[in-house]
Amino acid sequence: MVFKRVLVLGNANAGGSAFIGNEHVSIQARGLKSNSIYTVWFVNAKPKKHETGAGMPPYMFKTDRWGNGNYSASRGELPFGKWVMVMVVLHPTGDPKDMKNGEPEASICFVIKGS
């Protein structure tokens, strides 16, 4: 299944697409902060916020000098029915493990729809 960008938080110039296949997930992003570290997460906000990394740790990619980035990883469980979005989160400290200072407001979100 292919998902186009449906929601951008913080940066209206950002965009991209996501593909979730039977065995992998891939993201193509553009318009993000240049030369920066981002991580990719499956997220569910209700009944309370919960997330899990999309693929294998550290779930990250680095953007180029134009703010473009690609992420591709093997995926464990199918996200359909359990997770409602894929979120790409900026890590301004450069440490993908530093979730305390992650900036979801500078993210791209893809809504998951499927069976």
N, C-alpha and C. Protein backbone atom coordinates (compact mmCIF):
# COMPACT_ATOMS: atom_id res chain seq x y z
N MET A 1 0.84 -1.17 0.00
CA MET A 1 0.00 0.00 0.00
C MET A 1 0.88 1.24 0.00
N VAL A 2 0.48 2.25 -0.74
CA VAL A 2 1.22 3.49 -0.81
C VAL A 2 0.39 4.59 -0.16
N PHE A 3 1.05 5.43 0.64
CA PHE A 3 0.37 6.52 1.32
C PHE A 3 1.04 7.83 0.96
N LYS A 4 0.26 8.76 0.49
CA LYS A 4 0.78 10.10 0.22
C LYS A 4 0.72 10.91 1.51
N ARG A 5 1.50 11.96 1.56
CA ARG A 5 1.49 12.83 2.73
C ARG A 5 0.09 13.39 2.92
N VAL A 6 -0.42 13.30 4.13
CA VAL A 6 -1.75 13.83 4.41
C VAL A 6 -1.74 14.89 5.48
N LEU A 7 -0.68 15.00 6.25
CA LEU A 7 -0.63 15.98 7.33
C LEU A 7 0.82 16.36 7.57
N VAL A 8 1.08 17.66 7.56
CA VAL A 8 2.42 18.14 7.88
C VAL A 8 2.30 19.04 9.08
N LEU A 9 3.12 18.80 10.08
CA LEU A 9 3.12 19.62 11.29
C LEU A 9 4.34 20.53 11.25
N GLY A 10 4.14 21.81 11.40
CA GLY A 10 5.26 22.74 11.51
C GLY A 10 5.74 23.32 10.21
N ASN A 11 6.06 22.52 9.21
CA ASN A 11 6.66 23.00 7.98
C ASN A 11 5.76 22.68 6.79
N ALA A 12 5.06 23.68 6.29
CA ALA A 12 4.12 23.47 5.19
C ALA A 12 4.82 23.12 3.89
N ASN A 13 6.13 23.35 3.79
CA ASN A 13 6.88 23.02 2.57
C ASN A 13 7.33 21.57 2.54
N ALA A 14 7.16 20.85 3.63
CA ALA A 14 7.58 19.45 3.70
C ALA A 14 6.52 18.56 3.06
N GLY A 15 6.95 17.43 2.58
CA GLY A 15 6.03 16.47 1.98
C GLY A 15 6.73 15.16 1.74
N GLY A 16 6.07 14.28 1.02
CA GLY A 16 6.67 13.00 0.71
C GLY A 16 5.64 11.92 0.52
N SER A 17 6.10 10.69 0.52
CA SER A 17 5.22 9.55 0.40
C SER A 17 5.76 8.40 1.24
N ALA A 18 4.87 7.49 1.59
CA ALA A 18 5.24 6.32 2.38
C ALA A 18 4.69 5.08 1.69
N PHE A 19 5.44 4.00 1.75
CA PHE A 19 5.01 2.71 1.23
C PHE A 19 5.17 1.69 2.35
N ILE A 20 4.10 0.97 2.64
CA ILE A 20 4.15 -0.12 3.61
C ILE A 20 3.80 -1.39 2.87
N GLY A 21 4.80 -2.24 2.70
CA GLY A 21 4.60 -3.50 2.01
C GLY A 21 4.50 -4.65 3.00
N ASN A 22 4.40 -5.86 2.47
CA ASN A 22 4.29 -7.03 3.33
C ASN A 22 5.53 -7.24 4.19
N GLU A 23 6.69 -6.80 3.70
CA GLU A 23 7.92 -7.06 4.43
C GLU A 23 8.73 -5.82 4.76
N HIS A 24 8.35 -4.65 4.24
CA HIS A 24 9.17 -3.47 4.53
C HIS A 24 8.34 -2.19 4.53
N VAL A 25 8.96 -1.15 5.04
CA VAL A 25 8.39 0.19 5.03
C VAL A 25 9.42 1.11 4.40
N SER A 26 8.97 2.05 3.56
CA SER A 26 9.90 3.03 3.02
C SER A 26 9.23 4.39 2.97
N ILE A 27 10.03 5.41 3.20
CA ILE A 27 9.58 6.79 3.23
C ILE A 27 10.47 7.60 2.30
N GLN A 28 9.88 8.46 1.51
CA GLN A 28 10.61 9.46 0.74
C GLN A 28 10.10 10.81 1.22
N ALA A 29 11.00 11.63 1.75
CA ALA A 29 10.60 12.92 2.33
C ALA A 29 11.37 14.05 1.65
N ARG A 30 10.74 15.22 1.60
CA ARG A 30 11.38 16.40 1.03
C ARG A 30 10.94 17.63 1.83
N GLY A 31 11.74 18.67 1.77
CA GLY A 31 11.38 19.92 2.44
C GLY A 31 11.61 19.91 3.94
N LEU A 32 12.37 18.93 4.44
CA LEU A 32 12.68 18.87 5.87
C LEU A 32 13.91 19.72 6.15
N LYS A 33 14.30 19.80 7.40
CA LYS A 33 15.49 20.55 7.79
C LYS A 33 16.71 19.85 7.21
N SER A 34 17.58 20.61 6.57
CA SER A 34 18.74 20.02 5.90
C SER A 34 19.75 19.47 6.90
N ASN A 35 20.46 18.42 6.45
CA ASN A 35 21.53 17.78 7.23
C ASN A 35 21.10 17.47 8.66
N SER A 36 19.91 16.90 8.80
CA SER A 36 19.35 16.62 10.12
C SER A 36 18.96 15.16 10.27
N ILE A 37 18.87 14.72 11.51
CA ILE A 37 18.51 13.34 11.85
C ILE A 37 17.00 13.27 12.12
N TYR A 38 16.35 12.27 11.51
CA TYR A 38 14.93 12.01 11.71
C TYR A 38 14.75 10.53 12.04
N THR A 39 13.72 10.21 12.81
CA THR A 39 13.35 8.81 13.05
C THR A 39 11.93 8.58 12.56
N VAL A 40 11.58 7.30 12.34
CA VAL A 40 10.30 6.92 11.77
C VAL A 40 9.56 6.00 12.75
N TRP A 41 8.28 6.34 13.03
CA TRP A 41 7.51 5.65 14.06
C TRP A 41 6.10 5.33 13.60
N PHE A 42 5.59 4.17 14.01
CA PHE A 42 4.16 3.89 13.94
C PHE A 42 3.55 4.47 15.21
N VAL A 43 2.46 5.23 15.09
CA VAL A 43 1.89 5.94 16.24
C VAL A 43 0.38 5.72 16.31
N ASN A 44 -0.11 5.62 17.53
CA ASN A 44 -1.54 5.58 17.82
C ASN A 44 -1.77 6.56 18.96
N ALA A 45 -2.72 7.48 18.79
CA ALA A 45 -2.93 8.53 19.79
C ALA A 45 -4.06 8.23 20.77
N LYS A 46 -4.91 7.26 20.48
CA LYS A 46 -6.04 6.99 21.36
C LYS A 46 -6.07 5.50 21.70
N PRO A 47 -6.43 5.10 22.87
CA PRO A 47 -6.92 5.91 23.98
C PRO A 47 -5.82 6.74 24.64
N LYS A 48 -4.55 6.33 24.51
CA LYS A 48 -3.45 7.18 24.94
C LYS A 48 -2.33 7.02 23.93
N LYS A 49 -1.43 8.00 23.86
CA LYS A 49 -0.37 7.98 22.87
C LYS A 49 0.57 6.80 23.10
N HIS A 50 0.84 6.09 22.02
CA HIS A 50 1.73 4.95 22.06
C HIS A 50 2.43 4.89 20.71
N GLU A 51 3.71 4.55 20.71
CA GLU A 51 4.45 4.44 19.47
C GLU A 51 5.44 3.29 19.52
N THR A 52 5.82 2.85 18.31
CA THR A 52 6.87 1.85 18.17
C THR A 52 7.65 2.20 16.91
N GLY A 53 8.94 1.92 16.95
CA GLY A 53 9.77 2.23 15.79
C GLY A 53 9.34 1.45 14.56
N ALA A 54 9.42 2.10 13.41
CA ALA A 54 9.07 1.46 12.14
C ALA A 54 10.32 0.83 11.57
N GLY A 55 10.42 -0.48 11.65
CA GLY A 55 11.59 -1.17 11.14
C GLY A 55 12.51 -1.62 12.26
N MET A 56 13.79 -1.44 12.03
CA MET A 56 14.81 -1.87 12.98
C MET A 56 15.49 -0.65 13.60
N PRO A 57 15.87 -0.75 14.91
CA PRO A 57 16.55 0.38 15.56
C PRO A 57 17.82 0.76 14.78
N PRO A 58 18.15 2.02 14.71
CA PRO A 58 17.58 3.14 15.44
C PRO A 58 16.47 3.88 14.67
N TYR A 59 15.88 3.28 13.63
CA TYR A 59 14.73 3.85 12.91
C TYR A 59 15.03 5.22 12.31
N MET A 60 16.25 5.47 11.85
CA MET A 60 16.64 6.83 11.48
C MET A 60 17.12 6.98 10.05
N PHE A 61 17.07 8.23 9.60
CA PHE A 61 17.72 8.63 8.36
C PHE A 61 18.20 10.06 8.52
N LYS A 62 19.13 10.46 7.66
CA LYS A 62 19.65 11.82 7.68
C LYS A 62 19.27 12.50 6.37
N THR A 63 18.82 13.74 6.47
CA THR A 63 18.47 14.49 5.27
C THR A 63 19.75 15.05 4.63
N ASP A 64 19.65 15.31 3.34
CA ASP A 64 20.77 15.91 2.62
C ASP A 64 20.73 17.43 2.75
N ARG A 65 21.59 18.11 2.04
CA ARG A 65 21.67 19.57 2.18
C ARG A 65 20.45 20.30 1.64
N TRP A 66 19.59 19.58 0.90
CA TRP A 66 18.35 20.17 0.38
C TRP A 66 17.13 19.80 1.23
N GLY A 67 17.33 19.02 2.29
CA GLY A 67 16.23 18.61 3.15
C GLY A 67 15.47 17.40 2.65
N ASN A 68 16.08 16.63 1.75
CA ASN A 68 15.47 15.40 1.25
C ASN A 68 16.05 14.21 1.99
N GLY A 69 15.22 13.19 2.20
CA GLY A 69 15.70 12.00 2.88
C GLY A 69 14.88 10.78 2.50
N ASN A 70 15.51 9.62 2.62
CA ASN A 70 14.86 8.34 2.33
C ASN A 70 15.08 7.40 3.50
N TYR A 71 14.05 6.60 3.77
CA TYR A 71 14.15 5.60 4.82
C TYR A 71 13.55 4.31 4.29
N SER A 72 14.24 3.21 4.50
CA SER A 72 13.74 1.91 4.10
C SER A 72 14.20 0.89 5.12
N ALA A 73 13.28 0.03 5.56
CA ALA A 73 13.63 -0.97 6.57
C ALA A 73 12.69 -2.16 6.49
N SER A 74 13.18 -3.29 6.95
CA SER A 74 12.31 -4.45 7.13
C SER A 74 11.32 -4.12 8.22
N ARG A 75 10.14 -4.66 8.10
CA ARG A 75 9.08 -4.37 9.05
C ARG A 75 8.63 -5.66 9.70
N GLY A 76 8.33 -5.60 10.97
CA GLY A 76 7.85 -6.77 11.69
C GLY A 76 6.37 -6.99 11.44
N GLU A 77 5.54 -6.55 12.37
CA GLU A 77 4.11 -6.77 12.27
C GLU A 77 3.45 -5.78 11.30
N LEU A 78 2.33 -6.21 10.73
CA LEU A 78 1.55 -5.30 9.89
C LEU A 78 0.93 -4.22 10.76
N PRO A 79 0.99 -2.96 10.33
CA PRO A 79 0.48 -1.87 11.16
C PRO A 79 -1.03 -1.66 11.06
N PHE A 80 -1.67 -2.27 10.09
CA PHE A 80 -3.08 -1.99 9.84
C PHE A 80 -3.96 -2.46 10.99
N GLY A 81 -4.82 -1.55 11.45
CA GLY A 81 -5.71 -1.86 12.54
C GLY A 81 -5.14 -1.55 13.91
N LYS A 82 -3.82 -1.51 14.03
CA LYS A 82 -3.20 -1.23 15.32
C LYS A 82 -2.68 0.20 15.38
N TRP A 83 -2.03 0.65 14.33
CA TRP A 83 -1.43 1.98 14.29
C TRP A 83 -2.21 2.87 13.33
N VAL A 84 -2.35 4.15 13.66
CA VAL A 84 -3.14 5.04 12.82
C VAL A 84 -2.29 5.96 11.96
N MET A 85 -0.99 6.10 12.27
CA MET A 85 -0.15 6.97 11.43
C MET A 85 1.30 6.55 11.50
N VAL A 86 2.05 6.99 10.49
CA VAL A 86 3.50 6.90 10.48
C VAL A 86 4.00 8.32 10.68
N MET A 87 4.86 8.53 11.67
CA MET A 87 5.35 9.86 11.97
C MET A 87 6.87 9.91 11.78
N VAL A 88 7.33 10.94 11.10
CA VAL A 88 8.75 11.20 10.88
C VAL A 88 9.12 12.34 11.82
N VAL A 89 10.01 12.09 12.79
CA VAL A 89 10.30 13.04 13.87
C VAL A 89 11.72 13.58 13.77
N LEU A 90 11.86 14.91 13.85
CA LEU A 90 13.15 15.58 13.84
C LEU A 90 13.84 15.42 15.19
N HIS A 91 15.17 15.18 15.17
CA HIS A 91 15.99 15.10 16.38
C HIS A 91 17.07 16.18 16.30
N PRO A 92 16.78 17.39 16.83
CA PRO A 92 17.71 18.51 16.69
C PRO A 92 19.05 18.30 17.38
N THR A 93 19.13 17.39 18.35
CA THR A 93 20.41 17.12 19.01
C THR A 93 21.30 16.21 18.16
N GLY A 94 20.72 15.60 17.10
CA GLY A 94 21.47 14.68 16.27
C GLY A 94 21.50 13.27 16.81
N ASP A 95 20.85 13.03 17.95
CA ASP A 95 20.83 11.71 18.58
C ASP A 95 19.46 11.08 18.38
N PRO A 96 19.36 10.02 17.57
CA PRO A 96 18.05 9.41 17.32
C PRO A 96 17.43 8.76 18.56
N LYS A 97 18.22 8.52 19.59
CA LYS A 97 17.70 7.93 20.83
C LYS A 97 17.16 8.99 21.78
N ASP A 98 17.41 10.25 21.47
CA ASP A 98 16.98 11.35 22.34
C ASP A 98 15.55 11.76 22.00
N MET A 99 14.59 10.99 22.52
CA MET A 99 13.18 11.28 22.26
C MET A 99 12.68 12.45 23.10
N LYS A 100 13.36 12.74 24.20
CA LYS A 100 12.94 13.86 25.04
C LYS A 100 13.00 15.18 24.28
N ASN A 101 13.99 15.32 23.41
CA ASN A 101 14.15 16.55 22.64
C ASN A 101 13.72 16.41 21.19
N GLY A 102 13.05 15.31 20.85
CA GLY A 102 12.50 15.15 19.51
C GLY A 102 11.44 16.21 19.25
N GLU A 103 11.28 16.59 18.00
CA GLU A 103 10.33 17.64 17.65
C GLU A 103 9.24 17.11 16.72
N PRO A 104 8.19 16.49 17.30
CA PRO A 104 7.12 16.00 16.44
C PRO A 104 6.39 17.12 15.72
N GLU A 105 6.47 18.36 16.24
CA GLU A 105 5.82 19.47 15.55
C GLU A 105 6.53 19.83 14.25
N ALA A 106 7.73 19.31 14.03
CA ALA A 106 8.46 19.51 12.78
C ALA A 106 8.45 18.22 11.96
N SER A 107 7.34 17.51 12.04
CA SER A 107 7.24 16.17 11.47
C SER A 107 6.38 16.11 10.22
N ILE A 108 6.49 14.98 9.56
CA ILE A 108 5.55 14.60 8.51
C ILE A 108 4.77 13.40 9.05
N CYS A 109 3.46 13.40 8.88
CA CYS A 109 2.63 12.28 9.31
C CYS A 109 1.91 11.69 8.10
N PHE A 110 1.82 10.37 8.06
CA PHE A 110 1.07 9.66 7.04
C PHE A 110 -0.01 8.86 7.74
N VAL A 111 -1.27 9.07 7.37
CA VAL A 111 -2.36 8.30 7.96
C VAL A 111 -2.40 6.93 7.33
N ILE A 112 -2.51 5.90 8.16
CA ILE A 112 -2.56 4.51 7.69
C ILE A 112 -4.01 4.12 7.47
N LYS A 113 -4.32 3.66 6.27
CA LYS A 113 -5.63 3.12 5.96
C LYS A 113 -5.41 1.80 5.27
N GLY A 114 -6.09 0.80 5.67
CA GLY A 114 -5.93 -0.51 5.04
C GLY A 114 -6.66 -1.55 5.84
N SER A 115 -6.52 -2.78 5.39
CA SER A 115 -7.21 -3.88 6.06
C SER A 115 -6.27 -4.67 6.90
